[in-house]
Amino acid sequence: MTANLFSIPPGRPFLATLAEGLLDGRIVPSFRYTGDPLALAGATIYVPTRRAARALAGEFARLLGTGSAILPAIRPIGESDEASQFAPEGERPSLEPTMGELERRLQLARLARQWRSVTRGREFEALIGEEAVLPASAADALWLAADLGALLDEVETEGTSLGKLTGLAPDALSDWWQLTVTFLSIVTETWPQALAEVGRVSEATAKNVWLRAEAERLRRDPGTGPVILAGSTATAPATIELMHAIAHLEQGALVLPGLDRHLDPEAFAAISREGAISAPGHPQYGLKTILARFTLPPEAVTHLAPDEETALTAREAFVADALRPAETTHRWRETARDHRAEALDGLALVEANDEREEALAIACAMRAALADPDATTALITPDRNLARRVVSELARFGIAANDSGGRPLAATPPGTLLTTLAAVALQPGDPIALIALLKHPLTRLGMPAAEARRAARAIEMLALRGSVGIPDGARLGAIVAERRRMLETATHMPRPVRILPEAERELAQTMADRLEVALEPLSALRDGTEREIAAYA
């Protein structure tokens, strides 16, 4: 059966167009929504993420209006725990439990430390001519573990093997490369054994198994309703297998995001031509790879777009031409002027002096756009720091921006409390970190909020202002007690300290003593020997 492939241009709202295409029969011609509240219940739509699933459900609710209907089953394929629920209970593949990301990172850090103890840096010392310790600390081991985990995910997702690395390096780099390969034996040899010992599998492996099982289930029993996979550009073999199975179903369809409809055949072929070093960095590389797996040309894809030309269509063509592969840039002379005026109409360039000015300019532009009550505005950027700066600048205008990248845990109130707590316990001597912990809105230490704030201010006066030595949170109670004794005999204490009421001093002492007790487990790690990292998993 011919594959049913569609694409939604980047100038169209993807999820809204997808929902409209299903309801009006453009995506699955044998299905059209006519108002039956049960009609959509048999449809299944696979999307890349949970966020996309929630947004797509919202688009269906908007299009259906006030009518009641059971929505399609919308399933994210980007999360392994979601993928495990695809098949009915009795048809799920038998698989060992998966190992979570945190546990895996701690275990890999332990293996990295063991590698150091085995090699003792001998190979590295021979190359650089001096003593070396790899990794140098538990922190180094955790950073290495994060990189090893990312490498493992990529290799397992692509279904390849790290054993192919051995002969890749040229002779001039062979010594360094062999040292790297030796280090990677952690994931090629030791890690599979460690997983087998605890009866676990990696999340990437489990996801591959589940996706392939779902593809096989759909071939065997496609059901009676439409089955659509939309928005994915993944080129992993397991995902491609699921795409292939769905696209060849009688009521199946694969909907690609933003396949370039303007590039000429020569440029499109050059994107993944063998030996083209820069090709994987091209925005269309993933989509070109998917079509190659289907052995189909781009002309076989139906574009879900209006027939009329728009300014966004001209801009699409302009950007496609700007990003054409280097081998075909000679055609710029022929095409550069075709869409330039229309594509750049309304486009502004701002040259900012720094990141703050850049974020402020963007926020001002977005605020101006929102002056129209019917307008919507969005910032698209791969720079997470810039996105957070713009969100902060918009907050000054009373605009709560919805950041699709989410909010980092470390930026939430509990996250800042934990990071500040670790800094105070493990890196004594920073009065700013200590006062930030004491005045953190979540720092109560068993005291009412108002008393905790008063106690923090009193501690700042008594123990953190003036020459008071190293402000160590692990002995803050002793520092406060010493300062209180000095108040009784000293004659040159600063006036704000002298006039501090006794009740405030008592509150300060209570809070300081309780903080010492709270910090004791972390403070013990600071002064003791390094323990087995994985014990904290």
Protein backbone atom coordinates (compact mmCIF):
# COMPACT_ATOMS: atom_id res chain seq x y z
CA MET A 1 0.00 0.00 0.00
CA THR A 2 1.23 3.54 -0.80
CA ALA A 3 2.48 5.53 2.18
CA ASN A 4 0.25 8.40 3.28
CA LEU A 5 2.63 11.30 3.95
CA PHE A 6 1.69 14.88 4.69
CA SER A 7 3.51 18.02 5.78
CA ILE A 8 2.40 21.24 7.47
CA PRO A 9 4.42 24.30 6.38
CA PRO A 10 6.24 26.29 9.08
CA GLY A 11 4.02 29.31 8.35
CA ARG A 12 0.93 27.42 9.52
CA PRO A 13 -0.02 26.60 13.15
CA PHE A 14 0.95 22.94 13.29
CA LEU A 15 -1.43 21.49 15.88
CA ALA A 16 -4.43 23.55 14.76
CA THR A 17 -3.88 22.52 11.12
CA LEU A 18 -3.45 18.89 12.19
CA ALA A 19 -6.75 18.91 14.11
CA GLU A 20 -8.56 20.66 11.24
CA GLY A 21 -7.10 18.19 8.73
CA LEU A 22 -8.42 15.21 10.67
CA LEU A 23 -11.87 16.71 11.22
CA ASP A 24 -12.43 17.78 7.59
CA GLY A 25 -11.08 14.56 6.03
CA ARG A 26 -7.97 15.96 4.34
CA ILE A 27 -5.60 13.64 6.26
CA VAL A 28 -7.72 10.46 6.27
CA PRO A 29 -10.20 10.73 3.37
CA SER A 30 -12.31 7.83 4.68
CA PHE A 31 -12.92 9.68 7.94
CA ARG A 32 -14.75 12.97 8.39
CA TYR A 33 -16.18 14.35 11.61
CA THR A 34 -19.92 15.01 11.18
CA GLY A 35 -20.91 15.79 14.74
CA ASP A 36 -21.18 12.29 16.18
CA PRO A 37 -19.74 12.63 19.73
CA LEU A 38 -18.30 9.10 19.52
CA ALA A 39 -16.70 9.43 16.08
CA LEU A 40 -13.31 10.65 17.32
CA ALA A 41 -13.06 8.06 20.09
CA GLY A 42 -11.59 5.45 17.73
CA ALA A 43 -8.81 7.72 16.43
CA THR A 44 -5.24 7.55 17.74
CA ILE A 45 -2.67 10.32 17.33
CA TYR A 46 1.01 9.98 18.28
CA VAL A 47 2.89 13.23 19.03
CA PRO A 48 6.47 13.87 20.22
CA THR A 49 5.87 15.17 23.78
CA ARG A 50 3.36 15.43 26.60
CA ARG A 51 3.17 19.17 26.05
CA ALA A 52 2.19 18.64 22.41
CA ALA A 53 -0.44 16.11 23.53
CA ARG A 54 -2.02 18.63 25.93
CA ALA A 55 -1.94 21.40 23.32
CA LEU A 56 -3.50 19.18 20.65
CA ALA A 57 -6.33 18.23 23.00
CA GLY A 58 -6.90 21.95 23.53
CA GLU A 59 -7.07 22.55 19.76
CA PHE A 60 -9.71 19.84 19.38
CA ALA A 61 -11.71 21.37 22.21
CA ARG A 62 -11.50 24.80 20.53
CA LEU A 63 -12.59 23.49 17.13
CA LEU A 64 -15.46 21.41 18.52
CA GLY A 65 -16.79 24.45 20.37
CA THR A 66 -19.60 23.86 22.83
CA GLY A 67 -20.45 20.43 21.49
CA SER A 68 -19.54 17.35 23.49
CA ALA A 69 -17.32 14.64 22.06
CA ILE A 70 -14.85 12.00 23.19
CA LEU A 71 -11.45 13.14 21.94
CA PRO A 72 -8.95 10.87 20.15
CA ALA A 73 -6.34 8.95 22.12
CA ILE A 74 -3.31 11.29 22.01
CA ARG A 75 -0.07 9.53 22.93
CA PRO A 76 3.42 11.03 23.38
CA ILE A 77 6.23 8.92 21.92
CA GLY A 78 9.05 11.05 23.35
CA GLU A 79 8.80 9.69 26.90
CA SER A 80 9.61 6.04 27.59
CA ASP A 81 7.13 5.70 30.46
CA GLU A 82 4.35 6.84 28.12
CA ALA A 83 5.51 4.48 25.35
CA SER A 84 5.24 1.54 27.76
CA GLN A 85 1.47 2.11 27.98
CA PHE A 86 0.78 1.96 24.22
CA ALA A 87 -0.17 -1.70 23.95
CA PRO A 88 -3.06 -3.28 25.88
CA GLU A 89 -2.13 -4.96 29.15
CA GLY A 90 -1.88 -8.47 27.74
CA GLU A 91 0.15 -7.48 24.67
CA ARG A 92 3.00 -5.51 26.26
CA PRO A 93 6.49 -6.96 25.72
CA SER A 94 8.11 -8.67 28.67
CA LEU A 95 10.90 -6.38 29.85
CA GLU A 96 12.95 -5.78 32.98
CA PRO A 97 12.31 -2.55 34.92
CA THR A 98 14.07 0.54 33.58
CA MET A 99 16.78 2.41 35.45
CA GLY A 100 15.97 6.07 36.11
CA GLU A 101 18.24 8.90 34.97
CA LEU A 102 19.44 9.86 38.47
CA GLU A 103 20.26 6.31 39.49
CA ARG A 104 22.07 5.70 36.19
CA ARG A 105 24.16 8.84 36.59
CA LEU A 106 25.23 7.87 40.11
CA GLN A 107 26.10 4.35 39.03
CA LEU A 108 28.11 5.60 36.04
CA ALA A 109 29.94 8.01 38.35
CA ARG A 110 30.86 5.07 40.56
CA LEU A 111 32.21 3.16 37.54
CA ALA A 112 34.21 6.21 36.44
CA ARG A 113 35.84 6.35 39.88
CA GLN A 114 36.65 2.65 39.64
CA TRP A 115 38.26 3.21 36.24
CA ARG A 116 40.53 5.78 37.84
CA SER A 117 41.57 3.36 40.55
CA VAL A 118 42.39 0.70 37.95
CA THR A 119 44.38 2.87 35.53
CA ARG A 120 45.74 5.32 38.17
CA GLY A 121 46.21 7.74 35.28
CA ARG A 122 49.16 5.73 33.92
CA GLU A 123 48.23 6.11 30.25
CA PHE A 124 47.41 9.80 30.62
CA GLU A 125 50.64 10.48 32.53
CA ALA A 126 52.61 8.83 29.73
CA LEU A 127 51.05 11.21 27.21
CA ILE A 128 51.36 14.50 29.13
CA GLY A 129 54.51 13.70 31.10
CA GLU A 130 53.15 14.46 34.58
CA GLU A 131 50.98 12.96 37.30
CA ALA A 132 47.27 12.84 36.53
CA VAL A 133 44.18 11.80 38.46
CA LEU A 134 41.08 11.04 36.39
CA PRO A 135 38.45 11.88 37.49
CA ALA A 136 39.91 14.17 40.13
CA SER A 137 36.86 14.22 42.44
CA ALA A 138 33.32 13.01 42.91
CA ALA A 139 32.07 16.14 41.13
CA ASP A 140 34.26 15.33 38.12
CA ALA A 141 32.90 11.80 38.13
CA LEU A 142 29.31 13.09 38.08
CA TRP A 143 30.04 15.37 35.11
CA LEU A 144 31.68 12.50 33.25
CA ALA A 145 28.70 10.30 34.10
CA ALA A 146 26.31 12.84 32.54
CA ASP A 147 28.30 12.83 29.30
CA LEU A 148 28.53 9.04 29.30
CA GLY A 149 24.77 8.81 29.81
CA ALA A 150 24.09 11.13 26.87
CA LEU A 151 26.43 9.06 24.69
CA LEU A 152 24.71 5.85 25.78
CA ASP A 153 21.27 7.26 24.93
CA GLU A 154 22.39 8.35 21.49
CA VAL A 155 24.07 5.04 20.65
CA GLU A 156 21.20 2.89 21.94
CA THR A 157 18.53 5.05 20.29
CA GLU A 158 20.29 4.80 16.93
CA GLY A 159 20.72 1.04 17.38
CA THR A 160 24.48 1.05 16.81
CA SER A 161 27.51 -0.07 18.82
CA LEU A 162 30.40 1.74 20.48
CA GLY A 163 32.66 -1.12 19.40
CA LYS A 164 33.03 0.62 16.03
CA LEU A 165 35.00 3.47 17.60
CA THR A 166 38.31 1.63 17.86
CA GLY A 167 39.62 2.18 14.33
CA LEU A 168 38.22 5.65 13.63
CA ALA A 169 41.13 7.89 14.68
CA PRO A 170 44.06 8.77 12.37
CA ASP A 171 47.51 7.58 13.37
CA ALA A 172 48.53 11.03 14.63
CA LEU A 173 45.80 10.84 17.27
CA SER A 174 45.84 7.10 17.89
CA ASP A 175 47.40 7.23 21.38
CA TRP A 176 44.87 9.75 22.66
CA TRP A 177 42.05 7.93 20.89
CA GLN A 178 42.97 4.60 22.41
CA LEU A 179 42.96 6.23 25.85
CA THR A 180 39.45 7.50 25.09
CA VAL A 181 38.36 4.07 23.91
CA THR A 182 39.77 2.58 27.11
CA PHE A 183 37.69 5.02 29.14
CA LEU A 184 34.61 4.22 27.06
CA SER A 185 35.00 0.58 28.07
CA ILE A 186 32.91 1.75 31.05
CA VAL A 187 29.86 1.82 28.78
CA THR A 188 30.88 -0.84 26.26
CA GLU A 189 31.80 -3.58 28.74
CA THR A 190 31.25 -2.69 32.38
CA TRP A 191 27.86 -0.96 32.12
CA PRO A 192 25.96 -3.83 30.44
CA GLN A 193 27.29 -6.14 33.17
CA ALA A 194 26.18 -3.69 35.89
CA LEU A 195 22.68 -3.51 34.42
CA ALA A 196 22.43 -7.28 34.17
CA GLU A 197 23.48 -7.69 37.80
CA VAL A 198 20.59 -5.53 39.06
CA GLY A 199 18.09 -6.83 36.49
CA ARG A 200 17.46 -3.49 34.77
CA VAL A 201 17.46 -2.08 31.25
CA SER A 202 18.11 1.45 30.06
CA GLU A 203 15.21 3.74 29.20
CA ALA A 204 16.45 4.08 25.59
CA THR A 205 16.51 0.30 25.12
CA ALA A 206 13.06 -0.08 26.66
CA LYS A 207 11.66 2.68 24.45
CA ASN A 208 13.03 0.98 21.33
CA VAL A 209 11.40 -2.30 22.36
CA TRP A 210 8.06 -0.62 23.06
CA LEU A 211 8.04 1.35 19.79
CA ARG A 212 8.81 -1.75 17.74
CA ALA A 213 6.15 -3.71 19.61
CA GLU A 214 3.61 -0.97 18.89
CA ALA A 215 4.53 -0.98 15.20
CA GLU A 216 4.02 -4.75 15.06
CA ARG A 217 0.70 -4.48 16.94
CA LEU A 218 -0.61 -1.87 14.49
CA ARG A 219 0.33 -4.03 11.50
CA ARG A 220 -1.49 -6.94 13.09
CA ASP A 221 -4.52 -5.01 14.39
CA PRO A 222 -4.83 -1.42 13.14
CA GLY A 223 -8.26 -0.94 14.67
CA THR A 224 -11.20 0.76 13.01
CA GLY A 225 -10.29 4.44 13.40
CA PRO A 226 -7.64 6.79 11.98
CA VAL A 227 -4.06 6.37 13.21
CA ILE A 228 -1.76 9.38 12.80
CA LEU A 229 1.83 10.10 13.81
CA ALA A 230 2.52 13.83 13.69
CA GLY A 231 5.32 16.27 14.42
CA SER A 232 8.26 13.90 14.78
CA THR A 233 11.60 14.40 13.03
CA ALA A 234 13.32 11.52 14.83
CA THR A 235 15.48 9.29 12.64
CA ALA A 236 16.04 6.49 15.16
CA PRO A 237 15.35 3.07 13.60
CA ALA A 238 12.61 2.16 16.09
CA THR A 239 10.74 5.43 15.50
CA ILE A 240 11.11 5.07 11.73
CA GLU A 241 9.64 1.57 12.00
CA LEU A 242 6.59 2.95 13.80
CA MET A 243 6.28 5.73 11.20
CA HIS A 244 6.47 3.18 8.39
CA ALA A 245 3.81 0.97 9.95
CA ILE A 246 1.39 3.87 10.50
CA ALA A 247 1.92 5.51 7.10
CA HIS A 248 1.02 2.27 5.31
CA LEU A 249 -2.22 1.63 7.20
CA GLU A 250 -5.45 2.10 5.25
CA GLN A 251 -6.51 4.84 7.68
CA GLY A 252 -3.00 5.81 8.72
CA ALA A 253 -0.98 8.95 8.04
CA LEU A 254 2.41 10.43 8.84
CA VAL A 255 2.35 14.23 9.21
CA LEU A 256 5.80 15.85 9.00
CA PRO A 257 6.57 19.31 10.39
CA GLY A 258 7.78 21.87 7.86
CA LEU A 259 9.12 19.83 4.95
CA ASP A 260 10.72 22.38 2.62
CA ARG A 261 8.52 22.78 -0.45
CA HIS A 262 10.72 25.40 -2.08
CA LEU A 263 14.14 23.74 -2.44
CA ASP A 264 14.93 22.44 -5.91
CA PRO A 265 15.72 18.70 -6.34
CA GLU A 266 19.45 19.37 -6.65
CA ALA A 267 19.61 21.20 -3.31
CA PHE A 268 17.36 18.68 -1.55
CA ALA A 269 19.51 15.77 -2.75
CA ALA A 270 22.67 17.54 -1.53
CA ILE A 271 21.39 17.67 2.06
CA SER A 272 22.19 14.01 2.75
CA ARG A 273 24.64 13.26 -0.01
CA GLU A 274 27.36 10.89 1.15
CA GLY A 275 30.49 12.80 2.13
CA ALA A 276 28.68 16.11 2.72
CA ILE A 277 30.22 16.93 6.12
CA SER A 278 27.85 19.74 7.06
CA ALA A 279 24.66 17.98 5.95
CA PRO A 280 23.50 16.74 9.40
CA GLY A 281 23.33 20.36 10.55
CA HIS A 282 20.82 21.32 7.88
CA PRO A 283 17.26 21.92 9.22
CA GLN A 284 15.85 19.50 6.63
CA TYR A 285 18.32 16.70 7.28
CA GLY A 286 16.01 14.70 9.56
CA LEU A 287 13.05 15.00 7.21
CA LYS A 288 15.24 14.08 4.23
CA THR A 289 16.45 11.01 6.13
CA ILE A 290 12.86 9.96 6.88
CA LEU A 291 11.91 10.22 3.19
CA ALA A 292 15.01 8.25 2.26
CA ARG A 293 13.93 5.43 4.60
CA PHE A 294 10.57 5.46 2.80
CA THR A 295 12.40 5.62 -0.59
CA LEU A 296 10.12 8.49 -1.57
CA PRO A 297 10.89 11.88 -3.18
CA PRO A 298 9.62 15.09 -1.53
CA GLU A 299 7.02 15.37 -4.30
CA ALA A 300 5.22 12.35 -2.77
CA VAL A 301 4.33 14.42 0.31
CA THR A 302 1.03 16.32 0.39
CA HIS A 303 1.27 19.79 1.93
CA LEU A 304 -1.63 20.83 4.17
CA ALA A 305 -1.54 24.49 3.21
CA PRO A 306 -3.80 26.98 1.44
CA ASP A 307 -3.26 27.43 -2.27
CA GLU A 308 -2.88 31.21 -2.19
CA GLU A 309 0.53 32.82 -1.81
CA THR A 310 1.11 34.80 1.38
CA ALA A 311 3.89 36.85 2.90
CA LEU A 312 4.81 33.85 5.05
CA THR A 313 5.07 31.70 1.94
CA ALA A 314 7.53 34.19 0.47
CA ARG A 315 9.49 34.19 3.72
CA GLU A 316 9.59 30.38 3.68
CA ALA A 317 11.14 30.49 0.20
CA PHE A 318 13.63 33.16 1.24
CA VAL A 319 14.81 31.20 4.30
CA ALA A 320 14.98 27.96 2.29
CA ASP A 321 17.19 29.70 -0.24
CA ALA A 322 19.42 31.20 2.46
CA LEU A 323 19.95 27.74 4.00
CA ARG A 324 20.50 25.81 0.80
CA PRO A 325 23.51 23.40 0.92
CA ALA A 326 26.89 24.90 0.03
CA GLU A 327 27.14 22.82 -3.15
CA THR A 328 24.15 24.67 -4.65
CA THR A 329 24.77 28.24 -3.51
CA HIS A 330 25.71 29.15 -7.08
CA ARG A 331 21.95 29.38 -7.65
CA TRP A 332 21.66 32.37 -5.30
CA ARG A 333 22.18 34.64 -8.30
CA GLU A 334 19.09 33.16 -9.90
CA THR A 335 16.80 33.04 -6.88
CA ALA A 336 17.95 35.62 -4.33
CA ARG A 337 15.83 38.44 -5.75
CA ASP A 338 12.66 36.41 -6.35
CA HIS A 339 11.11 36.79 -2.89
CA ARG A 340 13.39 39.27 -1.13
CA ALA A 341 11.13 42.35 -0.97
CA GLU A 342 7.99 40.48 0.08
CA ALA A 343 9.83 38.15 2.49
CA LEU A 344 11.56 40.99 4.35
CA ASP A 345 8.50 43.20 4.55
CA GLY A 346 7.81 43.94 8.23
CA LEU A 347 11.05 42.33 9.39
CA ALA A 348 13.15 44.43 11.81
CA LEU A 349 16.79 44.15 12.86
CA VAL A 350 17.92 45.19 16.33
CA GLU A 351 21.64 45.43 17.14
CA ALA A 352 21.88 45.15 20.94
CA ASN A 353 24.94 46.04 22.98
CA ASP A 354 24.56 43.13 25.41
CA GLU A 355 22.25 40.28 26.43
CA ARG A 356 20.21 42.44 28.79
CA GLU A 357 19.50 45.01 26.06
CA GLU A 358 18.66 42.19 23.66
CA ALA A 359 16.13 40.69 26.06
CA LEU A 360 14.64 44.10 26.87
CA ALA A 361 14.21 44.95 23.18
CA ILE A 362 12.42 41.66 22.56
CA ALA A 363 10.19 42.14 25.59
CA CYS A 364 9.28 45.68 24.48
CA ALA A 365 8.40 44.43 21.00
CA MET A 366 6.23 41.66 22.44
CA ARG A 367 4.52 44.10 24.80
CA ALA A 368 3.79 46.46 21.91
CA ALA A 369 2.31 43.60 19.89
CA LEU A 370 0.03 42.64 22.79
CA ALA A 371 -1.48 46.12 22.80
CA ASP A 372 -3.92 44.61 20.29
CA PRO A 373 -6.26 42.50 22.49
CA ASP A 374 -6.75 39.98 19.67
CA ALA A 375 -3.04 39.50 18.97
CA THR A 376 -0.74 36.70 20.04
CA THR A 377 3.04 36.84 20.08
CA ALA A 378 5.85 34.33 20.50
CA LEU A 379 9.61 34.25 20.86
CA ILE A 380 11.41 31.38 19.13
CA THR A 381 15.00 30.89 20.27
CA PRO A 382 17.33 27.98 21.07
CA ASP A 383 19.02 30.14 23.75
CA ARG A 384 17.48 29.16 27.09
CA ASN A 385 19.23 32.00 28.93
CA LEU A 386 17.79 34.56 26.53
CA ALA A 387 14.32 33.03 26.91
CA ARG A 388 14.54 33.30 30.71
CA ARG A 389 15.74 36.91 30.48
CA VAL A 390 12.81 37.82 28.23
CA VAL A 391 10.35 36.13 30.61
CA SER A 392 11.80 38.21 33.47
CA GLU A 393 11.59 41.43 31.46
CA LEU A 394 7.98 40.69 30.50
CA ALA A 395 7.16 40.12 34.17
CA ARG A 396 8.14 43.76 34.81
CA PHE A 397 5.29 44.73 32.49
CA GLY A 398 2.87 42.44 34.30
CA ILE A 399 2.93 39.85 31.49
CA ALA A 400 3.17 36.21 32.57
CA ALA A 401 4.87 34.48 29.64
CA ASN A 402 4.35 30.77 29.06
CA ASP A 403 7.83 29.34 28.53
CA SER A 404 7.59 26.11 26.50
CA GLY A 405 11.06 25.12 27.74
CA GLY A 406 9.72 24.88 31.26
CA ARG A 407 11.25 26.30 34.41
CA PRO A 408 14.49 24.74 35.68
CA LEU A 409 14.13 23.04 39.06
CA ALA A 410 17.04 25.10 40.37
CA ALA A 411 15.08 28.29 39.60
CA THR A 412 12.02 27.29 41.65
CA PRO A 413 11.75 28.29 45.34
CA PRO A 414 12.50 24.73 46.57
CA GLY A 415 15.39 24.50 44.10
CA THR A 416 16.99 27.75 45.22
CA LEU A 417 16.59 26.65 48.83
CA LEU A 418 18.43 23.38 48.17
CA THR A 419 21.25 24.93 46.14
CA THR A 420 21.77 27.66 48.75
CA LEU A 421 21.70 25.06 51.52
CA ALA A 422 24.39 23.02 49.76
CA ALA A 423 26.54 26.13 49.21
CA VAL A 424 26.34 27.11 52.90
CA ALA A 425 27.08 23.60 54.15
CA LEU A 426 29.86 22.63 51.73
CA GLN A 427 31.52 25.99 51.00
CA PRO A 428 31.72 27.95 54.28
CA GLY A 429 32.91 31.54 54.33
CA ASP A 430 30.36 33.17 52.03
CA PRO A 431 28.18 35.55 54.10
CA ILE A 432 25.95 36.30 51.11
CA ALA A 433 25.01 32.63 50.70
CA LEU A 434 24.38 32.30 54.45
CA ILE A 435 22.11 35.34 54.67
CA ALA A 436 20.33 34.23 51.46
CA LEU A 437 19.57 30.92 53.18
CA LEU A 438 18.41 32.58 56.40
CA LYS A 439 16.11 35.00 54.53
CA HIS A 440 14.81 32.45 52.02
CA PRO A 441 10.99 32.41 52.18
CA LEU A 442 10.99 28.63 52.74
CA THR A 443 13.51 28.74 55.61
CA ARG A 444 11.42 28.40 58.78
CA LEU A 445 13.27 25.87 60.99
CA GLY A 446 10.09 25.22 62.94
CA MET A 447 9.40 28.91 63.53
CA PRO A 448 6.44 31.03 62.36
CA ALA A 449 7.23 32.98 59.18
CA ALA A 450 7.27 36.39 60.92
CA GLU A 451 9.59 35.16 63.69
CA ALA A 452 11.91 33.52 61.14
CA ARG A 453 12.25 36.82 59.27
CA ARG A 454 12.97 38.73 62.51
CA ALA A 455 15.50 36.11 63.57
CA ALA A 456 17.27 36.28 60.19
CA ARG A 457 17.60 40.07 60.49
CA ALA A 458 18.92 39.73 64.05
CA ILE A 459 21.51 37.12 62.98
CA GLU A 460 22.63 39.45 60.18
CA MET A 461 23.21 42.22 62.75
CA LEU A 462 24.87 40.03 65.36
CA ALA A 463 26.95 37.56 63.38
CA LEU A 464 27.36 38.67 59.78
CA ARG A 465 28.17 42.39 59.94
CA GLY A 466 31.60 43.62 60.90
CA SER A 467 34.71 41.52 61.50
CA VAL A 468 33.27 38.26 62.79
CA GLY A 469 35.60 35.71 61.16
CA ILE A 470 34.46 33.01 58.74
CA PRO A 471 30.62 32.88 58.66
CA ASP A 472 30.26 29.11 58.86
CA GLY A 473 26.65 27.94 59.00
CA ALA A 474 27.76 24.69 60.67
CA ARG A 475 28.77 26.66 63.80
CA LEU A 476 26.45 29.63 63.51
CA GLY A 477 24.98 28.96 66.95
CA ALA A 478 28.42 29.27 68.56
CA ILE A 479 29.15 32.46 66.59
CA VAL A 480 25.90 34.10 67.72
CA ALA A 481 26.51 33.03 71.34
CA GLU A 482 30.03 34.50 71.22
CA ARG A 483 28.76 37.80 69.85
CA ARG A 484 26.11 37.98 72.57
CA ARG A 485 28.81 37.53 75.24
CA MET A 486 30.89 40.26 73.60
CA LEU A 487 27.90 42.62 73.83
CA GLU A 488 28.00 42.36 77.60
CA THR A 489 31.60 43.57 77.90
CA ALA A 490 32.55 45.42 74.73
CA THR A 491 32.30 49.22 74.67
CA HIS A 492 32.60 49.91 70.95
CA MET A 493 29.87 47.76 69.45
CA PRO A 494 27.93 49.37 66.54
CA ARG A 495 24.80 51.09 67.77
CA PRO A 496 22.34 48.92 65.72
CA VAL A 497 23.80 45.88 67.50
CA ARG A 498 23.77 47.50 70.96
CA ILE A 499 20.11 48.52 70.75
CA LEU A 500 18.96 45.11 69.48
CA PRO A 501 16.28 43.96 71.98
CA GLU A 502 17.00 40.87 74.04
CA ALA A 503 13.96 39.13 72.55
CA GLU A 504 15.48 39.53 69.08
CA ARG A 505 18.80 38.16 70.32
CA GLU A 506 17.00 35.10 71.70
CA LEU A 507 15.26 34.55 68.38
CA ALA A 508 18.62 34.80 66.62
CA GLN A 509 20.14 32.23 68.97
CA THR A 510 17.21 29.84 68.49
CA MET A 511 17.38 30.04 64.70
CA ALA A 512 21.19 29.71 64.62
CA ASP A 513 21.10 26.63 66.86
CA ARG A 514 18.40 24.99 64.74
CA LEU A 515 20.31 25.75 61.55
CA GLU A 516 23.39 24.01 62.96
CA VAL A 517 21.32 20.87 63.59
CA ALA A 518 19.75 21.03 60.11
CA LEU A 519 23.14 21.40 58.42
CA GLU A 520 24.88 18.67 60.39
CA PRO A 521 24.40 15.81 57.84
CA LEU A 522 25.75 17.93 54.98
CA SER A 523 28.52 19.45 57.08
CA ALA A 524 29.71 15.95 57.97
CA LEU A 525 30.28 15.25 54.26
CA ARG A 526 32.41 18.38 53.96
CA ASP A 527 34.95 17.27 56.52
CA GLY A 528 34.82 13.51 56.02
CA THR A 529 36.19 11.20 53.33
CA GLU A 530 34.27 10.73 50.10
CA ARG A 531 31.70 7.99 50.41
CA GLU A 532 30.40 5.64 47.78
CA ILE A 533 28.39 7.95 45.53
CA ALA A 534 25.83 5.39 44.44
CA ALA A 535 24.82 4.84 48.07
CA TYR A 536 22.86 8.10 47.80
CA ALA A 537 20.80 6.95 44.82
